[in-house]
Amino acid sequence: MTSRIPEVQRAAKPLLREQLPQKAYMTLNEVIDFLAQHYVEIPEDVAKQIEDFVRTWLNDPGRHPFAHHLPPTSTLVNLYRRWAATSILHWELMECENDGPAWRNWLSTGQAVRLDSDGTTRATAMLECIVHDSARRFESYLNGTRPLGQATVVATPPLFNEKDREWLDCLGFDTKAMIDFLSADSSTQDEYGTEPSCISTSLAVAWFAPKKHMTKAEFARWKETFSNPPKNLKETAQKSQGQGKEALWNPVQVALWLYGNRKGNFSLRILDDIFEREAASEWKGRWAAEAQRIRNTPGFAG
């Protein structure tokens, strides 16, 4: 019997005010998890690769008869998101040099002490090791060199010795400094400032129309995308105004959904052009930040 393949969720989870970290400091692992959930989009080719792998795995006659109850889709997605998150964090910190959030460690005194240059170098080197380990871990499951039964998300790779792992577990950042850093020109900043106005269903249909001239039937099908949206589009981008009123849409979230689900018609370049229009100027910076994160994602192919 052919098992139903769980679909890979391409889009990152929208970040709501109540989901912002409230404590003073975040561990490195918490920062990676935060990025993985709210900043990492799954490229279409990677999503298909995971789905194809799971399809083959589920239909393997040699697997356990109850394995279909626990397909590895979510585990593989989480592994990829953590790999991408560590890569994004490492890239962002290296790009900003001395202008980014300071590395801190509370192992010695229990206080989140700012690291000196040697400590920062050590922390950055460890993060780079985690990037490479995360990549090898994800790829080894997909190519079959590592048994899928070992497919777990690990916060601290076993490549570090006990002393290094202890130090790494106490490594982190000031929460506000990190959130401000990540939010410099992204939609996360909306939670601390003023969010541009969301757009109506009619405007969403017009903004993102895949071509200038459509037949009546084509337009009806396109409009249906927003009047009767798929569940994952509705959950991430739509804000209901109540019965009888047009819904409102976050255009950045709409663009991310279109890129992940209608990539044949919506490349990053096409979406960039949409946000270059004067009508979309308020959202331009937020889209630019999201598009750059996608381009920095491991495995990005255009």
C-alpha atoms as a PDB file:
ATOM      1  CA  MET A   1       0.000   0.000   0.000  1.00  0.00           C
ATOM      2  CA  THR A   2       1.319   3.457  -0.889  1.00  0.00           C
ATOM      3  CA  SER A   3       1.471   5.760   2.130  1.00  0.00           C
ATOM      4  CA  ARG A   4       0.443   9.406   2.012  1.00  0.00           C
ATOM      5  CA  ILE A   5       3.495  11.647   1.998  1.00  0.00           C
ATOM      6  CA  PRO A   6       3.396  14.540   4.502  1.00  0.00           C
ATOM      7  CA  GLU A   7       3.974  17.831   2.685  1.00  0.00           C
ATOM      8  CA  VAL A   8       7.005  19.888   3.625  1.00  0.00           C
ATOM      9  CA  GLN A   9       6.044  23.264   5.075  1.00  0.00           C
ATOM     10  CA  ARG A  10       8.079  25.661   2.935  1.00  0.00           C
ATOM     11  CA  ALA A  11       7.332  28.951   4.670  1.00  0.00           C
ATOM     12  CA  ALA A  12       8.795  30.087   7.955  1.00  0.00           C
ATOM     13  CA  LYS A  13       6.411  30.651  10.842  1.00  0.00           C
ATOM     14  CA  PRO A  14       5.200  34.252  11.119  1.00  0.00           C
ATOM     15  CA  LEU A  15       6.643  36.017  14.136  1.00  0.00           C
ATOM     16  CA  LEU A  16       4.038  37.385  16.541  1.00  0.00           C
ATOM     17  CA  ARG A  17       4.673  39.802  19.389  1.00  0.00           C
ATOM     18  CA  GLU A  18       3.914  37.199  22.044  1.00  0.00           C
ATOM     19  CA  GLN A  19       6.539  34.896  20.522  1.00  0.00           C
ATOM     20  CA  LEU A  20       9.405  37.345  21.006  1.00  0.00           C
ATOM     21  CA  PRO A  21      11.853  36.106  23.675  1.00  0.00           C
ATOM     22  CA  GLN A  22      11.242  37.795  27.016  1.00  0.00           C
ATOM     23  CA  LYS A  23      14.316  36.850  29.037  1.00  0.00           C
ATOM     24  CA  ALA A  24      17.444  39.010  29.142  1.00  0.00           C
ATOM     25  CA  TYR A  25      19.758  36.565  27.382  1.00  0.00           C
ATOM     26  CA  MET A  26      19.435  33.840  24.750  1.00  0.00           C
ATOM     27  CA  THR A  27      21.735  30.851  24.441  1.00  0.00           C
ATOM     28  CA  LEU A  28      23.298  30.202  21.055  1.00  0.00           C
ATOM     29  CA  ASN A  29      21.021  27.194  20.666  1.00  0.00           C
ATOM     30  CA  GLU A  30      17.940  29.342  21.385  1.00  0.00           C
ATOM     31  CA  VAL A  31      19.050  31.882  18.774  1.00  0.00           C
ATOM     32  CA  ILE A  32      19.485  29.091  16.216  1.00  0.00           C
ATOM     33  CA  ASP A  33      16.030  27.686  17.026  1.00  0.00           C
ATOM     34  CA  PHE A  34      14.514  31.183  16.758  1.00  0.00           C
ATOM     35  CA  LEU A  35      16.087  31.710  13.344  1.00  0.00           C
ATOM     36  CA  ALA A  36      15.132  28.227  12.175  1.00  0.00           C
ATOM     37  CA  GLN A  37      11.457  28.782  13.001  1.00  0.00           C
ATOM     38  CA  HIS A  38      10.969  32.367  11.854  1.00  0.00           C
ATOM     39  CA  TYR A  39      13.653  33.152   9.276  1.00  0.00           C
ATOM     40  CA  VAL A  40      14.320  30.007   7.240  1.00  0.00           C
ATOM     41  CA  GLU A  41      12.322  29.232   4.116  1.00  0.00           C
ATOM     42  CA  ILE A  42      12.653  25.754   2.607  1.00  0.00           C
ATOM     43  CA  PRO A  43      13.732  26.085  -1.065  1.00  0.00           C
ATOM     44  CA  GLU A  44      11.477  24.219  -3.451  1.00  0.00           C
ATOM     45  CA  ASP A  45      14.226  21.870  -4.624  1.00  0.00           C
ATOM     46  CA  VAL A  46      15.115  20.931  -1.040  1.00  0.00           C
ATOM     47  CA  ALA A  47      11.440  20.399  -0.146  1.00  0.00           C
ATOM     48  CA  LYS A  48      10.999  18.093  -3.136  1.00  0.00           C
ATOM     49  CA  GLN A  49      14.183  16.241  -2.202  1.00  0.00           C
ATOM     50  CA  ILE A  50      12.841  15.595   1.307  1.00  0.00           C
ATOM     51  CA  GLU A  51       9.414  14.549   0.020  1.00  0.00           C
ATOM     52  CA  ASP A  52      10.934  12.185  -2.551  1.00  0.00           C
ATOM     53  CA  PHE A  53      13.173  10.657   0.100  1.00  0.00           C
ATOM     54  CA  VAL A  54      10.263  10.138   2.508  1.00  0.00           C
ATOM     55  CA  ARG A  55       8.145   8.649  -0.287  1.00  0.00           C
ATOM     56  CA  THR A  56      10.854   6.081  -1.044  1.00  0.00           C
ATOM     57  CA  TRP A  57      11.371   5.389   2.658  1.00  0.00           C
ATOM     58  CA  LEU A  58       7.666   4.897   3.399  1.00  0.00           C
ATOM     59  CA  ASN A  59       7.194   2.558   0.453  1.00  0.00           C
ATOM     60  CA  ASP A  60      10.216   0.434   1.280  1.00  0.00           C
ATOM     61  CA  PRO A  61       8.818  -3.088   1.884  1.00  0.00           C
ATOM     62  CA  GLY A  62      11.547  -3.699   4.438  1.00  0.00           C
ATOM     63  CA  ARG A  63      10.533  -0.934   6.814  1.00  0.00           C
ATOM     64  CA  HIS A  64       8.635  -1.515  10.057  1.00  0.00           C
ATOM     65  CA  PRO A  65       4.864  -1.932   9.408  1.00  0.00           C
ATOM     66  CA  PHE A  66       4.030   0.956  11.759  1.00  0.00           C
ATOM     67  CA  ALA A  67       6.686   3.318  10.391  1.00  0.00           C
ATOM     68  CA  HIS A  68       4.061   5.238   8.386  1.00  0.00           C
ATOM     69  CA  HIS A  69       2.714   6.608  11.685  1.00  0.00           C
ATOM     70  CA  LEU A  70       6.007   8.447  12.279  1.00  0.00           C
ATOM     71  CA  PRO A  71       7.334   9.601   8.895  1.00  0.00           C
ATOM     72  CA  PRO A  72      10.666  11.453   9.147  1.00  0.00           C
ATOM     73  CA  THR A  73       9.476  14.541   7.274  1.00  0.00           C
ATOM     74  CA  SER A  74       9.396  16.909  10.253  1.00  0.00           C
ATOM     75  CA  THR A  75      12.758  15.691  11.548  1.00  0.00           C
ATOM     76  CA  LEU A  76      14.444  16.223   8.184  1.00  0.00           C
ATOM     77  CA  VAL A  77      12.808  19.650   7.837  1.00  0.00           C
ATOM     78  CA  ASN A  78      14.040  20.630  11.298  1.00  0.00           C
ATOM     79  CA  LEU A  79      17.539  19.410  10.483  1.00  0.00           C
ATOM     80  CA  TYR A  80      17.595  21.517   7.337  1.00  0.00           C
ATOM     81  CA  ARG A  81      16.181  24.587   9.091  1.00  0.00           C
ATOM     82  CA  ARG A  82      18.861  24.375  11.793  1.00  0.00           C
ATOM     83  CA  TRP A  83      21.581  24.015   9.180  1.00  0.00           C
ATOM     84  CA  ALA A  84      20.275  27.056   7.326  1.00  0.00           C
ATOM     85  CA  ALA A  85      19.841  29.005  10.580  1.00  0.00           C
ATOM     86  CA  THR A  86      23.426  28.393  11.712  1.00  0.00           C
ATOM     87  CA  SER A  87      24.672  29.360   8.259  1.00  0.00           C
ATOM     88  CA  ILE A  88      22.612  32.569   8.251  1.00  0.00           C
ATOM     89  CA  LEU A  89      23.757  33.516  11.763  1.00  0.00           C
ATOM     90  CA  HIS A  90      27.423  32.878  10.963  1.00  0.00           C
ATOM     91  CA  TRP A  91      27.177  34.909   7.738  1.00  0.00           C
ATOM     92  CA  GLU A  92      25.387  37.826   9.417  1.00  0.00           C
ATOM     93  CA  LEU A  93      27.891  37.993  12.292  1.00  0.00           C
ATOM     94  CA  MET A  94      30.872  37.830   9.945  1.00  0.00           C
ATOM     95  CA  GLU A  95      29.426  40.530   7.689  1.00  0.00           C
ATOM     96  CA  CYS A  96      28.835  43.012  10.509  1.00  0.00           C
ATOM     97  CA  GLU A  97      32.325  42.528  12.032  1.00  0.00           C
ATOM     98  CA  ASN A  98      32.343  44.621  15.237  1.00  0.00           C
ATOM     99  CA  ASP A  99      28.885  46.154  14.812  1.00  0.00           C
ATOM    100  CA  GLY A 100      26.865  43.066  15.705  1.00  0.00           C
ATOM    101  CA  PRO A 101      25.686  41.758  19.080  1.00  0.00           C
ATOM    102  CA  ALA A 102      28.482  40.781  21.448  1.00  0.00           C
ATOM    103  CA  TRP A 103      29.096  37.140  22.247  1.00  0.00           C
ATOM    104  CA  ARG A 104      28.583  36.406  25.945  1.00  0.00           C
ATOM    105  CA  ASN A 105      29.305  33.466  28.224  1.00  0.00           C
ATOM    106  CA  TRP A 106      28.129  32.761  31.770  1.00  0.00           C
ATOM    107  CA  LEU A 107      30.062  29.586  32.571  1.00  0.00           C
ATOM    108  CA  SER A 108      32.699  31.119  34.864  1.00  0.00           C
ATOM    109  CA  THR A 109      30.655  33.458  37.068  1.00  0.00           C
ATOM    110  CA  GLY A 110      27.010  32.838  36.224  1.00  0.00           C
ATOM    111  CA  GLN A 111      26.857  36.337  34.737  1.00  0.00           C
ATOM    112  CA  ALA A 112      26.596  36.905  30.982  1.00  0.00           C
ATOM    113  CA  VAL A 113      30.112  38.270  30.570  1.00  0.00           C
ATOM    114  CA  ARG A 114      31.012  39.914  27.272  1.00  0.00           C
ATOM    115  CA  LEU A 115      33.737  37.908  25.566  1.00  0.00           C
ATOM    116  CA  ASP A 116      37.071  39.437  24.611  1.00  0.00           C
ATOM    117  CA  SER A 117      38.565  39.038  21.136  1.00  0.00           C
ATOM    118  CA  ASP A 118      39.979  35.582  21.893  1.00  0.00           C
ATOM    119  CA  GLY A 119      36.642  34.392  23.262  1.00  0.00           C
ATOM    120  CA  THR A 120      34.804  35.834  20.261  1.00  0.00           C
ATOM    121  CA  THR A 121      37.200  34.066  17.894  1.00  0.00           C
ATOM    122  CA  ARG A 122      36.633  30.793  19.750  1.00  0.00           C
ATOM    123  CA  ALA A 123      32.840  31.233  19.674  1.00  0.00           C
ATOM    124  CA  THR A 124      32.804  32.091  15.965  1.00  0.00           C
ATOM    125  CA  ALA A 125      34.974  29.070  15.156  1.00  0.00           C
ATOM    126  CA  MET A 126      32.580  26.837  17.100  1.00  0.00           C
ATOM    127  CA  LEU A 127      29.605  28.257  15.206  1.00  0.00           C
ATOM    128  CA  GLU A 128      31.377  27.545  11.918  1.00  0.00           C
ATOM    129  CA  CYS A 129      31.944  23.945  13.045  1.00  0.00           C
ATOM    130  CA  ILE A 130      28.226  23.643  13.834  1.00  0.00           C
ATOM    131  CA  VAL A 131      27.370  24.902  10.324  1.00  0.00           C
ATOM    132  CA  HIS A 132      29.530  22.215   8.711  1.00  0.00           C
ATOM    133  CA  ASP A 133      28.316  19.492  11.083  1.00  0.00           C
ATOM    134  CA  SER A 134      24.667  20.421  10.450  1.00  0.00           C
ATOM    135  CA  ALA A 135      25.220  20.253   6.689  1.00  0.00           C
ATOM    136  CA  ARG A 136      26.925  16.852   6.884  1.00  0.00           C
ATOM    137  CA  ARG A 137      24.237  15.521   9.205  1.00  0.00           C
ATOM    138  CA  PHE A 138      21.351  16.547   6.928  1.00  0.00           C
ATOM    139  CA  GLU A 139      23.029  15.331   3.749  1.00  0.00           C
ATOM    140  CA  SER A 140      24.132  12.018   5.261  1.00  0.00           C
ATOM    141  CA  TYR A 141      20.525  11.019   6.007  1.00  0.00           C
ATOM    142  CA  LEU A 142      19.364  11.841   2.503  1.00  0.00           C
ATOM    143  CA  ASN A 143      22.197   9.994   0.784  1.00  0.00           C
ATOM    144  CA  GLY A 144      21.814   6.945   3.028  1.00  0.00           C
ATOM    145  CA  THR A 145      25.242   7.017   4.673  1.00  0.00           C
ATOM    146  CA  ARG A 146      23.675   7.551   8.110  1.00  0.00           C
ATOM    147  CA  PRO A 147      20.775   5.342   9.309  1.00  0.00           C
ATOM    148  CA  LEU A 148      17.510   7.255   9.447  1.00  0.00           C
ATOM    149  CA  GLY A 149      16.863   5.882  12.923  1.00  0.00           C
ATOM    150  CA  GLN A 150      19.627   8.216  14.102  1.00  0.00           C
ATOM    151  CA  ALA A 151      17.983  11.276  12.537  1.00  0.00           C
ATOM    152  CA  THR A 152      17.724  13.534  15.548  1.00  0.00           C
ATOM    153  CA  VAL A 153      18.260  17.241  15.981  1.00  0.00           C
ATOM    154  CA  VAL A 154      21.196  17.823  18.309  1.00  0.00           C
ATOM    155  CA  ALA A 155      21.921  21.159  19.939  1.00  0.00           C
ATOM    156  CA  THR A 156      25.589  20.373  20.594  1.00  0.00           C
ATOM    157  CA  PRO A 157      27.388  18.310  17.949  1.00  0.00           C
ATOM    158  CA  PRO A 158      29.491  15.421  19.277  1.00  0.00           C
ATOM    159  CA  LEU A 159      32.530  16.820  17.460  1.00  0.00           C
ATOM    160  CA  PHE A 160      33.332  18.939  20.559  1.00  0.00           C
ATOM    161  CA  ASN A 161      35.014  17.556  23.665  1.00  0.00           C
ATOM    162  CA  GLU A 162      33.326  17.719  27.057  1.00  0.00           C
ATOM    163  CA  LYS A 163      35.042  20.950  28.108  1.00  0.00           C
ATOM    164  CA  ASP A 164      34.120  22.699  24.851  1.00  0.00           C
ATOM    165  CA  ARG A 165      30.521  21.479  25.051  1.00  0.00           C
ATOM    166  CA  GLU A 166      30.191  22.864  28.571  1.00  0.00           C
ATOM    167  CA  TRP A 167      31.468  26.253  27.390  1.00  0.00           C
ATOM    168  CA  LEU A 168      29.288  26.132  24.279  1.00  0.00           C
ATOM    169  CA  ASP A 169      26.155  25.426  26.332  1.00  0.00           C
ATOM    170  CA  CYS A 170      26.752  28.710  28.215  1.00  0.00           C
ATOM    171  CA  LEU A 171      27.365  30.754  25.073  1.00  0.00           C
ATOM    172  CA  GLY A 172      24.813  33.316  23.939  1.00  0.00           C
ATOM    173  CA  PHE A 173      23.777  36.910  23.402  1.00  0.00           C
ATOM    174  CA  ASP A 174      21.840  39.764  24.947  1.00  0.00           C
ATOM    175  CA  THR A 175      18.289  39.139  23.726  1.00  0.00           C
ATOM    176  CA  LYS A 176      17.404  42.714  22.775  1.00  0.00           C
ATOM    177  CA  ALA A 177      20.730  43.205  21.000  1.00  0.00           C
ATOM    178  CA  MET A 178      20.220  40.027  18.985  1.00  0.00           C
ATOM    179  CA  ILE A 179      16.584  40.781  18.082  1.00  0.00           C
ATOM    180  CA  ASP A 180      17.491  44.339  17.059  1.00  0.00           C
ATOM    181  CA  PHE A 181      20.355  42.943  14.977  1.00  0.00           C
ATOM    182  CA  LEU A 182      18.141  40.420  13.210  1.00  0.00           C
ATOM    183  CA  SER A 183      15.405  43.008  12.780  1.00  0.00           C
ATOM    184  CA  ALA A 184      17.565  45.751  11.295  1.00  0.00           C
ATOM    185  CA  ASP A 185      15.520  45.879   8.075  1.00  0.00           C
ATOM    186  CA  SER A 186      13.150  42.936   8.329  1.00  0.00           C
ATOM    187  CA  SER A 187       9.526  42.335   9.207  1.00  0.00           C
ATOM    188  CA  THR A 188      10.517  41.355  12.755  1.00  0.00           C
ATOM    189  CA  GLN A 189      11.100  45.038  13.387  1.00  0.00           C
ATOM    190  CA  ASP A 190       7.355  45.549  13.044  1.00  0.00           C
ATOM    191  CA  GLU A 191       6.933  44.155  16.550  1.00  0.00           C
ATOM    192  CA  TYR A 192       8.986  47.060  17.941  1.00  0.00           C
ATOM    193  CA  GLY A 193       7.817  49.766  15.580  1.00  0.00           C
ATOM    194  CA  THR A 194       4.963  50.558  13.254  1.00  0.00           C
ATOM    195  CA  GLU A 195       3.973  47.937  10.712  1.00  0.00           C
ATOM    196  CA  PRO A 196       2.965  49.190   7.280  1.00  0.00           C
ATOM    197  CA  SER A 197      -0.678  48.778   6.417  1.00  0.00           C
ATOM    198  CA  CYS A 198      -1.678  45.351   5.176  1.00  0.00           C
ATOM    199  CA  ILE A 199      -3.372  45.251   1.789  1.00  0.00           C
ATOM    200  CA  SER A 200      -6.897  44.214   0.876  1.00  0.00           C
ATOM    201  CA  THR A 201      -7.769  41.091  -1.069  1.00  0.00           C
ATOM    202  CA  SER A 202      -8.436  43.206  -4.169  1.00  0.00           C
ATOM    203  CA  LEU A 203      -5.009  44.807  -3.919  1.00  0.00           C
ATOM    204  CA  ALA A 204      -3.315  41.457  -3.308  1.00  0.00           C
ATOM    205  CA  VAL A 205      -4.939  40.086  -6.458  1.00  0.00           C
ATOM    206  CA  ALA A 206      -3.718  43.119  -8.428  1.00  0.00           C
ATOM    207  CA  TRP A 207      -0.211  43.366  -6.920  1.00  0.00           C
ATOM    208  CA  PHE A 208       0.729  39.758  -7.485  1.00  0.00           C
ATOM    209  CA  ALA A 209      -1.099  39.050 -10.752  1.00  0.00           C
ATOM    210  CA  PRO A 210       1.218  36.652 -12.624  1.00  0.00           C
ATOM    211  CA  LYS A 211       0.739  38.481 -15.928  1.00  0.00           C
ATOM    212  CA  LYS A 212      -0.720  41.746 -17.163  1.00  0.00           C
ATOM    213  CA  HIS A 213      -3.299  40.293 -19.513  1.00  0.00           C
ATOM    214  CA  MET A 214      -5.418  37.339 -18.397  1.00  0.00           C
ATOM    215  CA  THR A 215      -8.509  35.745 -19.828  1.00  0.00           C
ATOM    216  CA  LYS A 216     -11.662  35.835 -17.740  1.00  0.00           C
ATOM    217  CA  ALA A 217     -11.126  32.205 -16.755  1.00  0.00           C
ATOM    218  CA  GLU A 218      -7.475  32.812 -15.825  1.00  0.00           C
ATOM    219  CA  PHE A 219      -8.412  35.814 -13.706  1.00  0.00           C
ATOM    220  CA  ALA A 220     -11.133  33.845 -11.918  1.00  0.00           C
ATOM    221  CA  ARG A 221      -8.653  31.088 -11.056  1.00  0.00           C
ATOM    222  CA  TRP A 222      -6.101  33.627  -9.870  1.00  0.00           C
ATOM    223  CA  LYS A 223      -8.642  35.499  -7.732  1.00  0.00           C
ATOM    224  CA  GLU A 224      -9.630  32.175  -6.146  1.00  0.00           C
ATOM    225  CA  THR A 225      -6.125  32.016  -4.641  1.00  0.00           C
ATOM    226  CA  PHE A 226      -7.140  34.814  -2.275  1.00  0.00           C
ATOM    227  CA  SER A 227     -10.913  34.427  -2.025  1.00  0.00           C
ATOM    228  CA  ASN A 228     -10.533  30.754  -1.085  1.00  0.00           C
ATOM    229  CA  PRO A 229      -6.873  30.517  -0.033  1.00  0.00           C
ATOM    230  CA  PRO A 230      -4.993  27.302   0.715  1.00  0.00           C
ATOM    231  CA  LYS A 231      -4.633  26.641   4.429  1.00  0.00           C
ATOM    232  CA  ASN A 232      -0.935  27.497   4.679  1.00  0.00           C
ATOM    233  CA  LEU A 233      -1.416  30.794   2.825  1.00  0.00           C
ATOM    234  CA  LYS A 234      -4.406  31.719   4.976  1.00  0.00           C
ATOM    235  CA  GLU A 235      -2.580  30.919   8.217  1.00  0.00           C
ATOM    236  CA  THR A 236       0.581  32.868   7.439  1.00  0.00           C
ATOM    237  CA  ALA A 237      -0.616  35.902   5.515  1.00  0.00           C
ATOM    238  CA  GLN A 238      -4.322  36.593   6.013  1.00  0.00           C
ATOM    239  CA  LYS A 239      -5.904  38.813   8.640  1.00  0.00           C
ATOM    240  CA  SER A 240      -9.672  38.517   8.747  1.00  0.00           C
ATOM    241  CA  GLN A 241     -11.785  41.654   9.215  1.00  0.00           C
ATOM    242  CA  GLY A 242     -14.995  39.782   9.846  1.00  0.00           C
ATOM    243  CA  GLN A 243     -17.835  38.475   7.739  1.00  0.00           C
ATOM    244  CA  GLY A 244     -18.719  40.566   4.728  1.00  0.00           C
ATOM    245  CA  LYS A 245     -15.429  42.469   4.674  1.00  0.00           C
ATOM    246  CA  GLU A 246     -12.375  41.873   2.544  1.00  0.00           C
ATOM    247  CA  ALA A 247      -9.519  40.158   4.335  1.00  0.00           C
ATOM    248  CA  LEU A 248      -6.215  41.951   4.787  1.00  0.00           C
ATOM    249  CA  TRP A 249      -2.898  40.475   3.689  1.00  0.00           C
ATOM    250  CA  ASN A 250       0.729  40.838   4.705  1.00  0.00           C
ATOM    251  CA  PRO A 251       2.298  41.167   1.234  1.00  0.00           C
ATOM    252  CA  VAL A 252       5.698  39.862   2.353  1.00  0.00           C
ATOM    253  CA  GLN A 253       4.104  36.662   3.637  1.00  0.00           C
ATOM    254  CA  VAL A 254       2.082  36.401   0.418  1.00  0.00           C
ATOM    255  CA  ALA A 255       5.293  36.742  -1.602  1.00  0.00           C
ATOM    256  CA  LEU A 256       7.033  34.070   0.472  1.00  0.00           C
ATOM    257  CA  TRP A 257       4.116  31.707  -0.075  1.00  0.00           C
ATOM    258  CA  LEU A 258       4.063  32.365  -3.813  1.00  0.00           C
ATOM    259  CA  TYR A 259       7.806  31.783  -4.027  1.00  0.00           C
ATOM    260  CA  GLY A 260       7.514  28.503  -2.146  1.00  0.00           C
ATOM    261  CA  ASN A 261       4.371  27.186  -3.828  1.00  0.00           C
ATOM    262  CA  ARG A 262       4.154  28.851  -7.257  1.00  0.00           C
ATOM    263  CA  LYS A 263       7.848  29.136  -8.013  1.00  0.00           C
ATOM    264  CA  GLY A 264       7.333  28.557 -11.728  1.00  0.00           C
ATOM    265  CA  ASN A 265       5.579  31.921 -11.945  1.00  0.00           C
ATOM    266  CA  PHE A 266       7.216  33.751  -9.045  1.00  0.00           C
ATOM    267  CA  SER A 267      11.002  33.824  -8.928  1.00  0.00           C
ATOM    268  CA  LEU A 268      12.767  36.090  -6.433  1.00  0.00           C
ATOM    269  CA  ARG A 269      13.579  38.476  -9.289  1.00  0.00           C
ATOM    270  CA  ILE A 270       9.900  38.787 -10.247  1.00  0.00           C
ATOM    271  CA  LEU A 271       8.914  39.358  -6.620  1.00  0.00           C
ATOM    272  CA  ASP A 272      11.729  41.910  -6.219  1.00  0.00           C
ATOM    273  CA  ASP A 273      10.212  43.862  -9.124  1.00  0.00           C
ATOM    274  CA  ILE A 274       6.783  43.841  -7.463  1.00  0.00           C
ATOM    275  CA  PHE A 275       8.194  45.440  -4.317  1.00  0.00           C
ATOM    276  CA  GLU A 276      10.074  48.037  -6.392  1.00  0.00           C
ATOM    277  CA  ARG A 277       6.735  49.563  -7.376  1.00  0.00           C
ATOM    278  CA  GLU A 278       5.769  52.783  -5.628  1.00  0.00           C
ATOM    279  CA  ALA A 279       2.591  51.230  -4.211  1.00  0.00           C
ATOM    280  CA  ALA A 280       4.690  48.626  -2.375  1.00  0.00           C
ATOM    281  CA  SER A 281       7.421  50.988  -1.172  1.00  0.00           C
ATOM    282  CA  GLU A 282       6.490  50.647   2.522  1.00  0.00           C
ATOM    283  CA  TRP A 283       7.125  46.907   2.325  1.00  0.00           C
ATOM    284  CA  LYS A 284      10.232  47.053   0.129  1.00  0.00           C
ATOM    285  CA  GLY A 285      12.801  46.852   2.947  1.00  0.00           C
ATOM    286  CA  ARG A 286      11.038  43.973   4.647  1.00  0.00           C
ATOM    287  CA  TRP A 287      10.841  41.984   1.419  1.00  0.00           C
ATOM    288  CA  ALA A 288      14.493  42.753   0.589  1.00  0.00           C
ATOM    289  CA  ALA A 289      15.564  41.289   3.936  1.00  0.00           C
ATOM    290  CA  GLU A 290      13.515  38.121   3.425  1.00  0.00           C
ATOM    291  CA  ALA A 291      14.756  37.709  -0.150  1.00  0.00           C
ATOM    292  CA  GLN A 292      18.358  38.088   0.977  1.00  0.00           C
ATOM    293  CA  ARG A 293      17.898  35.397   3.624  1.00  0.00           C
ATOM    294  CA  ILE A 294      16.559  33.041   0.974  1.00  0.00           C
ATOM    295  CA  ARG A 295      19.536  33.782  -1.257  1.00  0.00           C
ATOM    296  CA  ASN A 296      21.875  33.078   1.667  1.00  0.00           C
ATOM    297  CA  THR A 297      20.181  29.749   2.405  1.00  0.00           C
ATOM    298  CA  PRO A 298      22.343  26.656   1.814  1.00  0.00           C
ATOM    299  CA  GLY A 299      21.325  24.955  -1.404  1.00  0.00           C
ATOM    300  CA  PHE A 300      19.781  28.100  -2.929  1.00  0.00           C
ATOM    301  CA  ALA A 301      19.684  27.674  -6.689  1.00  0.00           C
ATOM    302  CA  GLY A 302      17.801  30.742  -7.876  1.00  0.00           C
END
